[in-house]
N, C-alpha and C. Protein backbone atom coordinates (compact mmCIF):
# COMPACT_ATOMS: atom_id res chain seq x y z
N MET A 1 89.30 101.37 92.49
CA MET A 1 89.12 101.27 93.87
C MET A 1 88.41 101.65 94.75
N SER A 2 87.94 101.10 95.23
CA SER A 2 87.16 101.30 96.66
C SER A 2 87.65 100.91 98.34
N VAL A 3 87.16 101.69 99.14
CA VAL A 3 87.59 101.45 100.22
C VAL A 3 86.76 101.57 101.55
N ASP A 4 86.88 100.31 102.15
CA ASP A 4 85.45 100.44 103.28
C ASP A 4 85.97 100.50 104.69
N VAL A 5 85.94 101.69 105.32
CA VAL A 5 86.37 101.71 106.67
C VAL A 5 85.14 101.47 107.83
N THR A 6 85.78 100.06 108.61
CA THR A 6 84.91 99.21 109.44
C THR A 6 85.81 99.45 111.11
N CYS A 7 84.26 99.31 112.01
CA CYS A 7 85.33 98.95 113.01
C CYS A 7 85.80 97.33 113.39
N GLY A 8 86.50 98.20 114.16
CA GLY A 8 87.61 97.31 114.60
C GLY A 8 87.63 96.26 116.02
N LYS A 9 86.03 96.85 116.96
CA LYS A 9 85.43 95.98 117.25
C LYS A 9 84.65 95.16 116.67
N CYS A 10 83.15 95.85 116.14
CA CYS A 10 82.30 94.50 115.63
C CYS A 10 82.39 94.25 114.04
N GLY A 11 83.35 94.87 113.66
CA GLY A 11 83.36 95.35 112.15
C GLY A 11 82.49 95.71 111.20
N GLU A 12 81.21 95.94 111.71
CA GLU A 12 80.30 96.87 111.08
C GLU A 12 80.84 97.96 110.22
N LYS A 13 80.70 98.49 109.02
CA LYS A 13 81.14 98.91 108.38
C LYS A 13 80.57 100.58 108.71
N ILE A 14 81.62 101.33 108.15
CA ILE A 14 80.91 102.72 108.84
C ILE A 14 81.10 104.15 107.45
N ALA A 15 82.20 103.49 106.64
CA ALA A 15 82.21 104.58 105.17
C ALA A 15 82.65 103.50 104.42
N SER A 16 82.01 103.79 103.13
CA SER A 16 82.52 103.09 101.66
C SER A 16 82.67 104.54 100.57
N MET A 17 84.36 104.37 100.55
CA MET A 17 84.74 105.96 100.10
C MET A 17 85.23 105.57 98.65
N LYS A 18 84.79 105.93 97.48
CA LYS A 18 86.24 105.78 96.41
C LYS A 18 87.16 106.44 95.88
N MET A 19 87.45 107.22 96.47
CA MET A 19 88.33 108.33 96.56
C MET A 19 89.36 107.96 97.92
N LEU A 20 90.12 107.89 98.73
CA LEU A 20 90.31 108.04 100.07
C LEU A 20 90.55 109.67 100.64
N LYS A 21 89.90 109.77 101.99
CA LYS A 21 89.90 111.25 102.20
C LYS A 21 90.31 110.73 103.76
N SER A 22 90.39 111.53 104.65
CA SER A 22 91.46 111.89 105.96
C SER A 22 90.55 110.65 107.29
N ILE A 23 91.50 110.03 107.80
CA ILE A 23 90.48 109.13 108.73
C ILE A 23 89.77 110.40 109.79
N ARG A 24 90.61 111.41 110.06
CA ARG A 24 89.86 112.27 110.74
C ARG A 24 88.55 112.64 110.24
N ASP A 25 88.16 113.52 108.81
CA ASP A 25 86.82 112.94 108.18
C ASP A 25 86.51 112.24 108.09
N THR A 26 86.59 110.69 107.81
CA THR A 26 86.16 109.85 108.55
C THR A 26 84.94 109.36 109.44
N VAL A 27 86.23 109.35 110.56
CA VAL A 27 86.23 109.57 111.60
C VAL A 27 84.71 110.27 112.55
N ASN A 28 84.43 111.86 111.89
CA ASN A 28 83.61 112.63 112.15
C ASN A 28 82.94 112.21 112.24
N SER A 29 82.87 111.74 110.38
CA SER A 29 81.54 111.76 109.84
C SER A 29 80.40 110.89 110.45
N SER A 30 80.89 109.66 112.04
CA SER A 30 80.38 109.40 111.89
C SER A 30 79.81 109.51 113.69
N GLY A 31 80.81 110.32 113.91
CA GLY A 31 80.32 111.43 115.80
C GLY A 31 81.03 110.52 116.45
N GLY A 32 82.50 110.21 116.17
CA GLY A 32 83.00 109.71 116.69
C GLY A 32 83.08 107.93 116.87
N LYS A 33 81.90 107.84 116.59
CA LYS A 33 81.37 106.19 117.08
C LYS A 33 80.99 105.48 116.38
N CYS A 34 81.47 104.29 116.56
CA CYS A 34 80.82 103.34 115.49
C CYS A 34 79.25 103.55 115.93
N PRO A 35 78.27 102.81 114.49
CA PRO A 35 77.56 103.76 114.77
C PRO A 35 76.75 102.46 115.51
N SER A 36 77.12 101.21 114.83
CA SER A 36 76.57 100.19 116.09
C SER A 36 76.61 99.61 117.02
N CYS A 37 78.13 99.17 117.01
CA CYS A 37 78.26 99.25 118.65
C CYS A 37 78.28 100.18 119.88
N GLY A 38 78.50 101.20 119.18
CA GLY A 38 79.51 102.75 120.32
C GLY A 38 80.64 102.49 120.15
N GLN A 39 81.56 101.78 119.64
CA GLN A 39 83.37 101.53 119.80
C GLN A 39 84.02 102.99 119.76
N LYS A 40 84.12 103.51 120.57
CA LYS A 40 84.64 105.17 120.34
C LYS A 40 85.98 104.95 118.99
N LEU A 41 85.68 105.83 118.69
CA LEU A 41 87.23 105.97 116.98
C LEU A 41 88.11 106.60 117.75
N SER A 42 88.77 105.92 117.03
CA SER A 42 90.53 107.16 117.09
C SER A 42 91.28 107.14 115.80
N THR A 43 91.94 108.30 116.01
CA THR A 43 92.16 109.05 114.30
C THR A 43 94.00 108.44 114.83
N SER A 44 94.31 108.03 116.02
CA SER A 44 95.59 107.86 116.00
C SER A 44 95.66 105.97 116.35
N GLU A 45 94.73 105.68 116.27
CA GLU A 45 94.76 103.90 116.77
C GLU A 45 94.27 103.49 115.46
N PHE A 46 93.75 103.32 113.60
CA PHE A 46 93.44 102.23 113.42
C PHE A 46 94.19 101.50 112.69
N SER A 47 94.30 100.25 111.38
CA SER A 47 94.53 99.04 110.99
C SER A 47 94.32 99.41 109.76
N LEU A 48 94.62 99.62 108.50
CA LEU A 48 94.50 99.97 107.06
C LEU A 48 95.04 98.27 106.13
N ASP A 49 93.68 97.59 106.11
CA ASP A 49 93.38 96.34 105.12
C ASP A 49 93.03 96.74 103.69
N VAL A 50 93.49 96.74 102.36
CA VAL A 50 93.77 96.44 101.21
C VAL A 50 93.56 95.82 100.80
N GLN A 51 92.20 95.78 99.87
CA GLN A 51 91.99 94.10 99.26
C GLN A 51 91.63 94.52 97.58
N GLU A 52 92.43 94.25 97.10
CA GLU A 52 92.19 94.08 95.76
C GLU A 52 90.42 93.94 94.91
N ASN A 53 89.76 94.36 94.55
CA ASN A 53 88.64 93.94 93.92
C ASN A 53 88.67 93.10 92.38
């Protein structure tokens, strides 16, 4: 299973992971902002959408 982390504002894919890792690590890997639209990413406000491939 793979997991895609996307920006809630613009839908840009921020990260794709084979294994889950903490939201904090994922947000920090992009400098705390969406690389596409600059939206600030929050470790306390996020949603999780799971799709089986």
